Amino acid sequence: MSILVEGNQTRAVIASLLGEPGVVKLHDTNGRWDLLAELEATSMHELSDILERIRLIKGIHSSETSIHLRTYR
């Protein structure tokens, strides 16, 4: 999940994401997005619940979710 943070809310957003059990890795990045969160869910229903909780975090301006389908290398 790519995340765009509002203003100077990065530390608060990181703290909230680190407390979310569905987030297994959290990366700082550059470019269009501020953070990249790797999520792990056992079902689409669970993924939907995780996304709903993350989208309610204060300081997240927008996000984009991509599903990892295959690794080639």
N, C-alpha and C. Protein backbone atom coordinates (compact mmCIF):
# COMPACT_ATOMS: atom_id res chain seq x y z
N MET A 1 0.84 -1.16 0.00
CA MET A 1 0.00 0.00 0.00
C MET A 1 0.89 1.22 0.00
N SER A 2 0.71 2.11 -0.95
CA SER A 2 1.43 3.38 -1.02
C SER A 2 0.61 4.42 -0.29
N ILE A 3 1.30 5.24 0.52
CA ILE A 3 0.61 6.18 1.40
C ILE A 3 1.19 7.58 1.24
N LEU A 4 0.31 8.56 1.09
CA LEU A 4 0.68 9.97 1.05
C LEU A 4 0.25 10.59 2.38
N VAL A 5 1.21 11.19 3.08
CA VAL A 5 0.97 11.75 4.41
C VAL A 5 0.70 13.25 4.31
N GLU A 6 -0.23 13.74 5.12
CA GLU A 6 -0.53 15.17 5.18
C GLU A 6 0.54 15.91 5.98
N GLY A 7 1.03 17.00 5.43
CA GLY A 7 1.94 17.91 6.14
C GLY A 7 3.01 17.23 6.95
N ASN A 8 3.08 17.60 8.23
CA ASN A 8 4.14 17.08 9.10
C ASN A 8 3.64 15.96 10.00
N GLN A 9 2.74 15.14 9.50
CA GLN A 9 2.13 14.05 10.27
C GLN A 9 2.87 12.72 10.14
N THR A 10 4.02 12.72 9.50
CA THR A 10 4.70 11.46 9.18
C THR A 10 4.98 10.61 10.42
N ARG A 11 5.54 11.20 11.46
CA ARG A 11 5.87 10.40 12.66
C ARG A 11 4.63 9.79 13.29
N ALA A 12 3.55 10.55 13.36
CA ALA A 12 2.31 10.03 13.95
C ALA A 12 1.72 8.91 13.08
N VAL A 13 1.78 9.09 11.78
CA VAL A 13 1.26 8.06 10.87
C VAL A 13 2.11 6.79 10.99
N ILE A 14 3.43 6.93 11.02
CA ILE A 14 4.30 5.77 11.17
C ILE A 14 3.98 5.03 12.47
N ALA A 15 3.83 5.75 13.57
CA ALA A 15 3.52 5.12 14.85
C ALA A 15 2.20 4.35 14.77
N SER A 16 1.21 4.93 14.14
CA SER A 16 -0.08 4.25 14.00
C SER A 16 0.04 3.01 13.13
N LEU A 17 0.76 3.12 12.03
CA LEU A 17 0.92 1.97 11.13
C LEU A 17 1.70 0.84 11.80
N LEU A 18 2.70 1.18 12.61
CA LEU A 18 3.47 0.15 13.30
C LEU A 18 2.62 -0.57 14.34
N GLY A 19 1.54 0.05 14.78
CA GLY A 19 0.62 -0.59 15.72
C GLY A 19 -0.48 -1.39 15.05
N GLU A 20 -0.53 -1.37 13.73
CA GLU A 20 -1.55 -2.10 12.97
C GLU A 20 -1.05 -3.51 12.71
N PRO A 21 -1.74 -4.55 13.21
CA PRO A 21 -1.26 -5.93 13.03
C PRO A 21 -1.17 -6.39 11.59
N GLY A 22 -1.93 -5.79 10.68
CA GLY A 22 -1.88 -6.20 9.28
C GLY A 22 -0.67 -5.68 8.53
N VAL A 23 0.06 -4.72 9.12
CA VAL A 23 1.26 -4.16 8.48
C VAL A 23 2.46 -5.01 8.91
N VAL A 24 3.07 -5.70 7.94
CA VAL A 24 4.20 -6.57 8.26
C VAL A 24 5.54 -5.89 7.97
N LYS A 25 5.56 -4.90 7.09
CA LYS A 25 6.76 -4.11 6.81
C LYS A 25 6.32 -2.70 6.47
N LEU A 26 7.16 -1.73 6.85
CA LEU A 26 6.85 -0.34 6.56
C LEU A 26 8.12 0.33 6.07
N HIS A 27 8.05 0.95 4.90
CA HIS A 27 9.22 1.54 4.25
C HIS A 27 9.01 3.03 4.03
N ASP A 28 10.06 3.80 4.26
CA ASP A 28 10.11 5.21 3.89
C ASP A 28 10.51 5.24 2.41
N THR A 29 9.94 6.12 1.64
CA THR A 29 10.26 6.16 0.22
C THR A 29 10.27 7.59 -0.29
N ASN A 30 10.60 7.78 -1.53
CA ASN A 30 10.57 9.11 -2.13
C ASN A 30 9.71 9.06 -3.38
N GLY A 31 9.48 10.21 -3.97
CA GLY A 31 8.63 10.26 -5.15
C GLY A 31 7.22 10.65 -4.77
N ARG A 32 6.25 10.12 -5.48
CA ARG A 32 4.84 10.49 -5.29
C ARG A 32 4.33 10.12 -3.90
N TRP A 33 4.80 9.01 -3.34
CA TRP A 33 4.30 8.50 -2.07
C TRP A 33 5.34 8.69 -0.98
N ASP A 34 4.88 8.81 0.27
CA ASP A 34 5.77 8.99 1.40
C ASP A 34 6.17 7.68 2.07
N LEU A 35 5.23 6.75 2.13
CA LEU A 35 5.46 5.48 2.81
C LEU A 35 4.94 4.33 1.95
N LEU A 36 5.55 3.17 2.14
CA LEU A 36 5.09 1.95 1.48
C LEU A 36 4.89 0.91 2.58
N ALA A 37 3.67 0.44 2.73
CA ALA A 37 3.34 -0.55 3.75
C ALA A 37 3.06 -1.89 3.09
N GLU A 38 3.74 -2.93 3.57
CA GLU A 38 3.44 -4.28 3.12
C GLU A 38 2.41 -4.84 4.08
N LEU A 39 1.30 -5.30 3.54
CA LEU A 39 0.22 -5.84 4.34
C LEU A 39 0.14 -7.35 4.16
N GLU A 40 -0.35 -8.02 5.18
CA GLU A 40 -0.55 -9.47 5.07
C GLU A 40 -1.93 -9.80 5.60
N ALA A 41 -2.70 -10.50 4.77
CA ALA A 41 -4.06 -10.89 5.13
C ALA A 41 -4.32 -12.30 4.62
N THR A 42 -5.15 -13.03 5.34
CA THR A 42 -5.44 -14.41 4.95
C THR A 42 -6.65 -14.52 4.02
N SER A 43 -7.37 -13.41 3.86
CA SER A 43 -8.54 -13.41 2.97
C SER A 43 -8.80 -12.00 2.47
N MET A 44 -9.62 -11.88 1.46
CA MET A 44 -9.98 -10.56 0.95
C MET A 44 -10.79 -9.79 1.99
N HIS A 45 -11.59 -10.50 2.77
CA HIS A 45 -12.36 -9.87 3.84
C HIS A 45 -11.42 -9.25 4.87
N GLU A 46 -10.40 -10.01 5.28
CA GLU A 46 -9.43 -9.49 6.24
C GLU A 46 -8.67 -8.31 5.65
N LEU A 47 -8.30 -8.38 4.38
CA LEU A 47 -7.62 -7.27 3.72
C LEU A 47 -8.51 -6.03 3.74
N SER A 48 -9.77 -6.19 3.45
CA SER A 48 -10.71 -5.08 3.47
C SER A 48 -10.76 -4.43 4.86
N ASP A 49 -10.77 -5.25 5.91
CA ASP A 49 -10.78 -4.72 7.28
C ASP A 49 -9.51 -3.94 7.59
N ILE A 50 -8.36 -4.47 7.17
CA ILE A 50 -7.08 -3.79 7.39
C ILE A 50 -7.07 -2.45 6.67
N LEU A 51 -7.49 -2.44 5.41
CA LEU A 51 -7.51 -1.21 4.63
C LEU A 51 -8.43 -0.18 5.26
N GLU A 52 -9.56 -0.62 5.76
CA GLU A 52 -10.51 0.30 6.40
C GLU A 52 -9.88 0.95 7.63
N ARG A 53 -9.18 0.15 8.45
CA ARG A 53 -8.53 0.70 9.65
C ARG A 53 -7.43 1.69 9.27
N ILE A 54 -6.64 1.34 8.26
CA ILE A 54 -5.53 2.22 7.84
C ILE A 54 -6.07 3.53 7.28
N ARG A 55 -7.11 3.47 6.50
CA ARG A 55 -7.66 4.68 5.88
C ARG A 55 -8.27 5.64 6.90
N LEU A 56 -8.53 5.16 8.11
CA LEU A 56 -9.07 6.00 9.17
C LEU A 56 -7.97 6.70 10.00
N ILE A 57 -6.71 6.36 9.73
CA ILE A 57 -5.61 6.96 10.49
C ILE A 57 -5.49 8.44 10.15
N LYS A 58 -5.51 9.25 11.19
CA LYS A 58 -5.38 10.70 11.01
C LYS A 58 -3.99 11.00 10.44
N GLY A 59 -3.95 11.85 9.42
CA GLY A 59 -2.70 12.24 8.80
C GLY A 59 -2.44 11.57 7.47
N ILE A 60 -3.24 10.56 7.13
CA ILE A 60 -3.10 9.93 5.81
C ILE A 60 -3.97 10.71 4.84
N HIS A 61 -3.33 11.31 3.85
CA HIS A 61 -4.04 12.11 2.84
C HIS A 61 -4.69 11.22 1.79
N SER A 62 -3.92 10.25 1.29
CA SER A 62 -4.45 9.31 0.30
C SER A 62 -3.60 8.06 0.29
N SER A 63 -4.12 7.03 -0.35
CA SER A 63 -3.39 5.77 -0.45
C SER A 63 -3.78 5.06 -1.74
N GLU A 64 -2.93 4.11 -2.10
CA GLU A 64 -3.20 3.28 -3.28
C GLU A 64 -2.76 1.87 -2.95
N THR A 65 -3.64 0.93 -3.20
CA THR A 65 -3.36 -0.46 -2.86
C THR A 65 -3.13 -1.28 -4.12
N SER A 66 -2.07 -2.06 -4.10
CA SER A 66 -1.76 -2.99 -5.20
C SER A 66 -1.61 -4.37 -4.59
N ILE A 67 -2.08 -5.38 -5.30
CA ILE A 67 -1.96 -6.75 -4.82
C ILE A 67 -0.81 -7.43 -5.54
N HIS A 68 0.09 -7.99 -4.74
CA HIS A 68 1.26 -8.70 -5.28
C HIS A 68 0.76 -10.04 -5.86
N LEU A 69 0.95 -10.22 -7.14
CA LEU A 69 0.48 -11.43 -7.81
C LEU A 69 1.57 -12.48 -7.97
N ARG A 70 2.75 -12.05 -8.37
CA ARG A 70 3.82 -13.01 -8.67
C ARG A 70 5.16 -12.33 -8.55
N THR A 71 6.18 -13.10 -8.16
CA THR A 71 7.56 -12.61 -8.13
C THR A 71 8.34 -13.37 -9.20
N TYR A 72 9.05 -12.64 -10.04
CA TYR A 72 9.84 -13.28 -11.09
C TYR A 72 11.29 -13.46 -10.70
N ARG A 73 11.78 -12.66 -9.82
CA ARG A 73 13.18 -12.80 -9.41
C ARG A 73 13.33 -12.31 -8.01
